[in-house]
Amino acid sequence: MSLTVFYFFIITVFRQIITFPAWWYTQGLALLIIHLYRMQVIQLKNLAIFSWIRHLFTPMFHDYTFVGRILSFIFRIFIIGGKLVILIVSLGLRLVVVILYIFFPIFVIYALFGRF
């Protein structure tokens, strides 16, 4: 009985070792990309850039004077620019995560066997 359990354990471990790279680069990568895409969509909604663009020419604090309109336009341009910078930096960091995910097994294999 214990010998068959041992063989089953060994076969399962070897199967997992053999199928791991295929999973890592197919299903695992797809799950990571889907998760990062959802995070980016949530961040886009939280930053509300489109709402700021839609109200770009609406005066802030109901100040309908010429100076109030100009100042609110300038402030909103700076706020939209800052939010776009945040969005682009976070997208870049997410792309770095995908690249690191792709090359991580190669780094591990090199770290384990590259010194021989």
N, C-alpha and C. Protein backbone atom coordinates (compact mmCIF):
# COMPACT_ATOMS: atom_id res chain seq x y z
N MET A 1 0.82 -1.20 0.00
CA MET A 1 0.00 0.00 0.00
C MET A 1 0.86 1.26 0.00
N SER A 2 1.85 1.30 0.88
CA SER A 2 2.67 2.50 0.97
C SER A 2 3.54 2.68 -0.27
N LEU A 3 3.88 1.57 -0.92
CA LEU A 3 4.69 1.67 -2.13
C LEU A 3 3.89 2.30 -3.27
N THR A 4 2.61 1.97 -3.41
CA THR A 4 1.79 2.59 -4.45
C THR A 4 1.55 4.06 -4.17
N VAL A 5 1.42 4.43 -2.92
CA VAL A 5 1.27 5.84 -2.56
C VAL A 5 2.56 6.59 -2.90
N PHE A 6 3.69 5.97 -2.63
CA PHE A 6 4.97 6.58 -2.95
C PHE A 6 5.11 6.76 -4.46
N TYR A 7 4.76 5.74 -5.25
CA TYR A 7 4.83 5.86 -6.70
C TYR A 7 3.87 6.94 -7.21
N PHE A 8 2.68 6.98 -6.65
CA PHE A 8 1.72 8.01 -7.05
C PHE A 8 2.27 9.40 -6.74
N PHE A 9 2.90 9.56 -5.58
CA PHE A 9 3.49 10.84 -5.22
C PHE A 9 4.60 11.22 -6.18
N ILE A 10 5.47 10.28 -6.51
CA ILE A 10 6.59 10.55 -7.41
C ILE A 10 6.07 10.91 -8.80
N ILE A 11 5.09 10.15 -9.30
CA ILE A 11 4.53 10.44 -10.62
C ILE A 11 3.87 11.81 -10.64
N THR A 12 3.15 12.15 -9.59
CA THR A 12 2.49 13.45 -9.51
C THR A 12 3.50 14.58 -9.48
N VAL A 13 4.55 14.42 -8.71
CA VAL A 13 5.58 15.46 -8.63
C VAL A 13 6.26 15.65 -9.97
N PHE A 14 6.63 14.56 -10.64
CA PHE A 14 7.27 14.68 -11.95
C PHE A 14 6.33 15.29 -12.98
N ARG A 15 5.06 14.93 -12.92
CA ARG A 15 4.08 15.51 -13.86
C ARG A 15 3.97 17.01 -13.63
N GLN A 16 3.95 17.43 -12.37
CA GLN A 16 3.87 18.86 -12.07
C GLN A 16 5.12 19.59 -12.54
N ILE A 17 6.27 18.98 -12.35
CA ILE A 17 7.53 19.61 -12.80
C ILE A 17 7.55 19.74 -14.32
N ILE A 18 7.08 18.73 -15.01
CA ILE A 18 7.12 18.76 -16.47
C ILE A 18 6.08 19.73 -17.04
N THR A 19 4.89 19.78 -16.46
CA THR A 19 3.84 20.64 -17.01
C THR A 19 3.89 22.07 -16.48
N PHE A 20 4.75 22.35 -15.51
CA PHE A 20 4.79 23.70 -14.95
C PHE A 20 5.17 24.77 -15.97
N PRO A 21 6.20 24.61 -16.79
CA PRO A 21 6.53 25.67 -17.75
C PRO A 21 5.40 25.94 -18.74
N ALA A 22 4.71 24.89 -19.17
CA ALA A 22 3.59 25.11 -20.09
C ALA A 22 2.50 25.92 -19.42
N TRP A 23 2.21 25.60 -18.16
CA TRP A 23 1.19 26.38 -17.44
C TRP A 23 1.68 27.82 -17.21
N TRP A 24 2.92 27.98 -16.86
CA TRP A 24 3.45 29.31 -16.53
C TRP A 24 3.33 30.27 -17.72
N TYR A 25 3.64 29.77 -18.91
CA TYR A 25 3.65 30.63 -20.08
C TYR A 25 2.32 30.67 -20.83
N THR A 26 1.33 29.88 -20.44
CA THR A 26 0.03 29.94 -21.10
C THR A 26 -1.03 30.44 -20.14
N GLN A 27 -1.52 29.57 -19.28
CA GLN A 27 -2.61 29.94 -18.38
C GLN A 27 -2.17 30.95 -17.33
N GLY A 28 -0.99 30.76 -16.78
CA GLY A 28 -0.51 31.68 -15.75
C GLY A 28 -0.30 33.08 -16.30
N LEU A 29 0.28 33.17 -17.48
CA LEU A 29 0.49 34.48 -18.11
C LEU A 29 -0.84 35.12 -18.47
N ALA A 30 -1.79 34.33 -18.96
CA ALA A 30 -3.11 34.88 -19.29
C ALA A 30 -3.82 35.39 -18.03
N LEU A 31 -3.73 34.65 -16.94
CA LEU A 31 -4.34 35.11 -15.68
C LEU A 31 -3.70 36.40 -15.18
N LEU A 32 -2.38 36.48 -15.30
CA LEU A 32 -1.69 37.70 -14.88
C LEU A 32 -2.11 38.89 -15.72
N ILE A 33 -2.17 38.72 -17.03
CA ILE A 33 -2.55 39.83 -17.91
C ILE A 33 -3.99 40.26 -17.65
N ILE A 34 -4.89 39.31 -17.46
CA ILE A 34 -6.28 39.65 -17.14
C ILE A 34 -6.37 40.41 -15.83
N HIS A 35 -5.63 39.97 -14.84
CA HIS A 35 -5.65 40.65 -13.54
C HIS A 35 -5.09 42.07 -13.65
N LEU A 36 -3.98 42.23 -14.35
CA LEU A 36 -3.39 43.56 -14.49
C LEU A 36 -4.28 44.48 -15.32
N TYR A 37 -4.96 43.93 -16.33
CA TYR A 37 -5.89 44.73 -17.12
C TYR A 37 -7.05 45.21 -16.25
N ARG A 38 -7.58 44.33 -15.43
CA ARG A 38 -8.67 44.73 -14.53
C ARG A 38 -8.22 45.79 -13.54
N MET A 39 -6.99 45.66 -13.05
CA MET A 39 -6.46 46.68 -12.14
C MET A 39 -6.34 48.02 -12.86
N GLN A 40 -5.92 48.01 -14.12
CA GLN A 40 -5.77 49.24 -14.88
C GLN A 40 -7.13 49.88 -15.13
N VAL A 41 -8.15 49.08 -15.43
CA VAL A 41 -9.50 49.62 -15.65
C VAL A 41 -10.03 50.23 -14.36
N ILE A 42 -9.81 49.57 -13.24
CA ILE A 42 -10.26 50.11 -11.95
C ILE A 42 -9.55 51.42 -11.65
N GLN A 43 -8.25 51.48 -11.93
CA GLN A 43 -7.52 52.72 -11.69
C GLN A 43 -8.00 53.84 -12.61
N LEU A 44 -8.33 53.51 -13.85
CA LEU A 44 -8.86 54.51 -14.77
C LEU A 44 -10.19 55.06 -14.26
N LYS A 45 -11.03 54.19 -13.72
CA LYS A 45 -12.29 54.64 -13.15
C LYS A 45 -12.07 55.48 -11.89
N ASN A 46 -11.12 55.08 -11.07
CA ASN A 46 -10.85 55.83 -9.84
C ASN A 46 -10.26 57.20 -10.11
N LEU A 47 -9.44 57.32 -11.13
CA LEU A 47 -8.86 58.62 -11.46
C LEU A 47 -9.88 59.56 -12.11
N ALA A 48 -10.89 59.00 -12.75
CA ALA A 48 -11.99 59.76 -13.35
C ALA A 48 -11.48 60.83 -14.32
N ILE A 49 -10.56 60.45 -15.17
CA ILE A 49 -9.99 61.40 -16.12
C ILE A 49 -11.04 61.88 -17.12
N PHE A 50 -11.90 60.99 -17.57
CA PHE A 50 -12.92 61.39 -18.55
C PHE A 50 -13.91 62.37 -17.96
N SER A 51 -14.20 62.24 -16.68
CA SER A 51 -15.08 63.20 -16.01
C SER A 51 -14.42 64.58 -15.94
N TRP A 52 -13.12 64.59 -15.66
CA TRP A 52 -12.40 65.86 -15.62
C TRP A 52 -12.35 66.49 -17.01
N ILE A 53 -12.18 65.68 -18.04
CA ILE A 53 -12.16 66.22 -19.40
C ILE A 53 -13.55 66.74 -19.79
N ARG A 54 -14.58 66.02 -19.40
CA ARG A 54 -15.94 66.44 -19.73
C ARG A 54 -16.27 67.79 -19.10
N HIS A 55 -15.77 68.04 -17.90
CA HIS A 55 -16.05 69.30 -17.21
C HIS A 55 -14.91 70.30 -17.32
N LEU A 56 -14.12 70.18 -18.37
CA LEU A 56 -12.95 71.04 -18.54
C LEU A 56 -13.33 72.52 -18.65
N PHE A 57 -14.40 72.81 -19.35
CA PHE A 57 -14.79 74.21 -19.57
C PHE A 57 -15.87 74.68 -18.60
N THR A 58 -16.24 73.86 -17.63
CA THR A 58 -17.21 74.27 -16.62
C THR A 58 -16.46 75.03 -15.52
N PRO A 59 -16.94 76.20 -15.15
CA PRO A 59 -16.23 76.96 -14.11
C PRO A 59 -16.29 76.26 -12.75
N MET A 60 -15.18 76.33 -12.02
CA MET A 60 -15.13 75.73 -10.69
C MET A 60 -15.77 76.67 -9.69
N PHE A 61 -16.44 76.13 -8.71
CA PHE A 61 -17.07 76.86 -7.62
C PHE A 61 -18.08 77.89 -8.11
N HIS A 62 -18.67 77.64 -9.28
CA HIS A 62 -19.69 78.52 -9.87
C HIS A 62 -19.19 79.96 -10.03
N ASP A 63 -17.92 80.08 -10.33
CA ASP A 63 -17.33 81.39 -10.57
C ASP A 63 -17.37 81.65 -12.08
N TYR A 64 -18.38 82.36 -12.53
CA TYR A 64 -18.60 82.57 -13.96
C TYR A 64 -17.91 83.82 -14.50
N THR A 65 -17.02 84.41 -13.73
CA THR A 65 -16.27 85.55 -14.24
C THR A 65 -15.19 85.05 -15.21
N PHE A 66 -14.63 85.99 -15.97
CA PHE A 66 -13.61 85.62 -16.95
C PHE A 66 -12.39 85.02 -16.27
N VAL A 67 -11.95 85.64 -15.17
CA VAL A 67 -10.78 85.13 -14.45
C VAL A 67 -11.07 83.76 -13.84
N GLY A 68 -12.29 83.58 -13.31
CA GLY A 68 -12.67 82.29 -12.74
C GLY A 68 -12.67 81.17 -13.77
N ARG A 69 -13.15 81.48 -14.96
CA ARG A 69 -13.16 80.48 -16.03
C ARG A 69 -11.73 80.11 -16.46
N ILE A 70 -10.89 81.14 -16.60
CA ILE A 70 -9.50 80.88 -17.01
C ILE A 70 -8.77 80.07 -15.95
N LEU A 71 -8.91 80.44 -14.67
CA LEU A 71 -8.22 79.72 -13.60
C LEU A 71 -8.72 78.28 -13.47
N SER A 72 -10.02 78.08 -13.60
CA SER A 72 -10.53 76.72 -13.50
C SER A 72 -10.05 75.87 -14.67
N PHE A 73 -9.96 76.46 -15.85
CA PHE A 73 -9.43 75.73 -17.00
C PHE A 73 -7.97 75.34 -16.77
N ILE A 74 -7.17 76.27 -16.28
CA ILE A 74 -5.74 75.99 -16.03
C ILE A 74 -5.58 74.95 -14.95
N PHE A 75 -6.33 75.05 -13.86
CA PHE A 75 -6.24 74.07 -12.78
C PHE A 75 -6.62 72.68 -13.27
N ARG A 76 -7.67 72.61 -14.07
CA ARG A 76 -8.11 71.30 -14.55
C ARG A 76 -7.11 70.71 -15.54
N ILE A 77 -6.47 71.54 -16.33
CA ILE A 77 -5.43 71.03 -17.23
C ILE A 77 -4.30 70.40 -16.42
N PHE A 78 -3.86 71.08 -15.36
CA PHE A 78 -2.79 70.52 -14.52
C PHE A 78 -3.24 69.24 -13.83
N ILE A 79 -4.46 69.19 -13.35
CA ILE A 79 -4.96 68.00 -12.68
C ILE A 79 -5.07 66.83 -13.66
N ILE A 80 -5.58 67.09 -14.86
CA ILE A 80 -5.68 66.03 -15.87
C ILE A 80 -4.29 65.55 -16.26
N GLY A 81 -3.35 66.47 -16.41
CA GLY A 81 -1.98 66.08 -16.73
C GLY A 81 -1.35 65.21 -15.65
N GLY A 82 -1.56 65.57 -14.41
CA GLY A 82 -1.04 64.76 -13.31
C GLY A 82 -1.66 63.38 -13.26
N LYS A 83 -2.97 63.32 -13.50
CA LYS A 83 -3.64 62.02 -13.50
C LYS A 83 -3.18 61.16 -14.68
N LEU A 84 -2.93 61.78 -15.82
CA LEU A 84 -2.41 61.03 -16.96
C LEU A 84 -1.01 60.50 -16.68
N VAL A 85 -0.19 61.28 -16.01
CA VAL A 85 1.15 60.81 -15.65
C VAL A 85 1.05 59.61 -14.72
N ILE A 86 0.16 59.68 -13.73
CA ILE A 86 -0.04 58.55 -12.82
C ILE A 86 -0.49 57.32 -13.59
N LEU A 87 -1.41 57.50 -14.52
CA LEU A 87 -1.92 56.38 -15.30
C LEU A 87 -0.83 55.76 -16.18
N ILE A 88 -0.03 56.59 -16.81
CA ILE A 88 1.03 56.08 -17.69
C ILE A 88 2.13 55.38 -16.89
N VAL A 89 2.49 55.94 -15.73
CA VAL A 89 3.51 55.29 -14.89
C VAL A 89 3.01 53.94 -14.39
N SER A 90 1.75 53.87 -13.97
CA SER A 90 1.22 52.60 -13.49
C SER A 90 1.13 51.58 -14.62
N LEU A 91 0.81 52.02 -15.82
CA LEU A 91 0.80 51.11 -16.96
C LEU A 91 2.21 50.60 -17.25
N GLY A 92 3.19 51.48 -17.17
CA GLY A 92 4.58 51.06 -17.37
C GLY A 92 5.03 50.05 -16.32
N LEU A 93 4.64 50.28 -15.07
CA LEU A 93 5.00 49.33 -14.01
C LEU A 93 4.32 47.98 -14.22
N ARG A 94 3.10 48.01 -14.71
CA ARG A 94 2.41 46.75 -14.99
C ARG A 94 3.08 46.00 -16.14
N LEU A 95 3.56 46.73 -17.13
CA LEU A 95 4.30 46.07 -18.22
C LEU A 95 5.62 45.48 -17.72
N VAL A 96 6.26 46.15 -16.78
CA VAL A 96 7.48 45.62 -16.18
C VAL A 96 7.18 44.32 -15.43
N VAL A 97 6.03 44.28 -14.74
CA VAL A 97 5.64 43.06 -14.03
C VAL A 97 5.45 41.91 -15.01
N VAL A 98 4.83 42.16 -16.16
CA VAL A 98 4.65 41.11 -17.16
C VAL A 98 6.00 40.64 -17.70
N ILE A 99 6.90 41.55 -17.96
CA ILE A 99 8.23 41.17 -18.47
C ILE A 99 8.99 40.36 -17.42
N LEU A 100 8.93 40.79 -16.15
CA LEU A 100 9.58 40.02 -15.09
C LEU A 100 8.95 38.64 -14.93
N TYR A 101 7.65 38.56 -15.08
CA TYR A 101 6.96 37.28 -15.01
C TYR A 101 7.43 36.32 -16.10
N ILE A 102 7.63 36.87 -17.29
CA ILE A 102 8.07 36.03 -18.41
C ILE A 102 9.49 35.50 -18.18
N PHE A 103 10.38 36.35 -17.67
CA PHE A 103 11.78 35.96 -17.54
C PHE A 103 12.14 35.36 -16.18
N PHE A 104 11.21 35.32 -15.24
CA PHE A 104 11.52 34.81 -13.91
C PHE A 104 11.99 33.34 -13.91
N PRO A 105 11.30 32.43 -14.60
CA PRO A 105 11.81 31.05 -14.60
C PRO A 105 13.20 30.92 -15.22
N ILE A 106 13.49 31.73 -16.21
CA ILE A 106 14.83 31.68 -16.82
C ILE A 106 15.88 32.13 -15.81
N PHE A 107 15.58 33.18 -15.04
CA PHE A 107 16.51 33.63 -14.00
C PHE A 107 16.71 32.56 -12.93
N VAL A 108 15.64 31.89 -12.55
CA VAL A 108 15.74 30.85 -11.52
C VAL A 108 16.57 29.68 -12.03
N ILE A 109 16.34 29.25 -13.25
CA ILE A 109 17.12 28.14 -13.81
C ILE A 109 18.59 28.52 -13.93
N TYR A 110 18.86 29.75 -14.34
CA TYR A 110 20.25 30.19 -14.43
C TYR A 110 20.88 30.26 -13.04
N ALA A 111 20.11 30.73 -12.05
CA ALA A 111 20.66 30.81 -10.69
C ALA A 111 20.94 29.43 -10.12
N LEU A 112 20.12 28.45 -10.47
CA LEU A 112 20.33 27.11 -9.94
C LEU A 112 21.42 26.35 -10.68
N PHE A 113 21.41 26.41 -12.00
CA PHE A 113 22.30 25.56 -12.78
C PHE A 113 23.36 26.32 -13.57
N GLY A 114 23.36 27.63 -13.53
CA GLY A 114 24.30 28.40 -14.34
C GLY A 114 25.70 28.45 -13.79
N ARG A 115 25.91 28.00 -12.60
CA ARG A 115 27.22 28.10 -11.98
C ARG A 115 28.10 26.88 -12.25
N PHE A 116 27.56 25.88 -12.91
CA PHE A 116 28.34 24.66 -13.14
C PHE A 116 29.26 24.80 -14.31
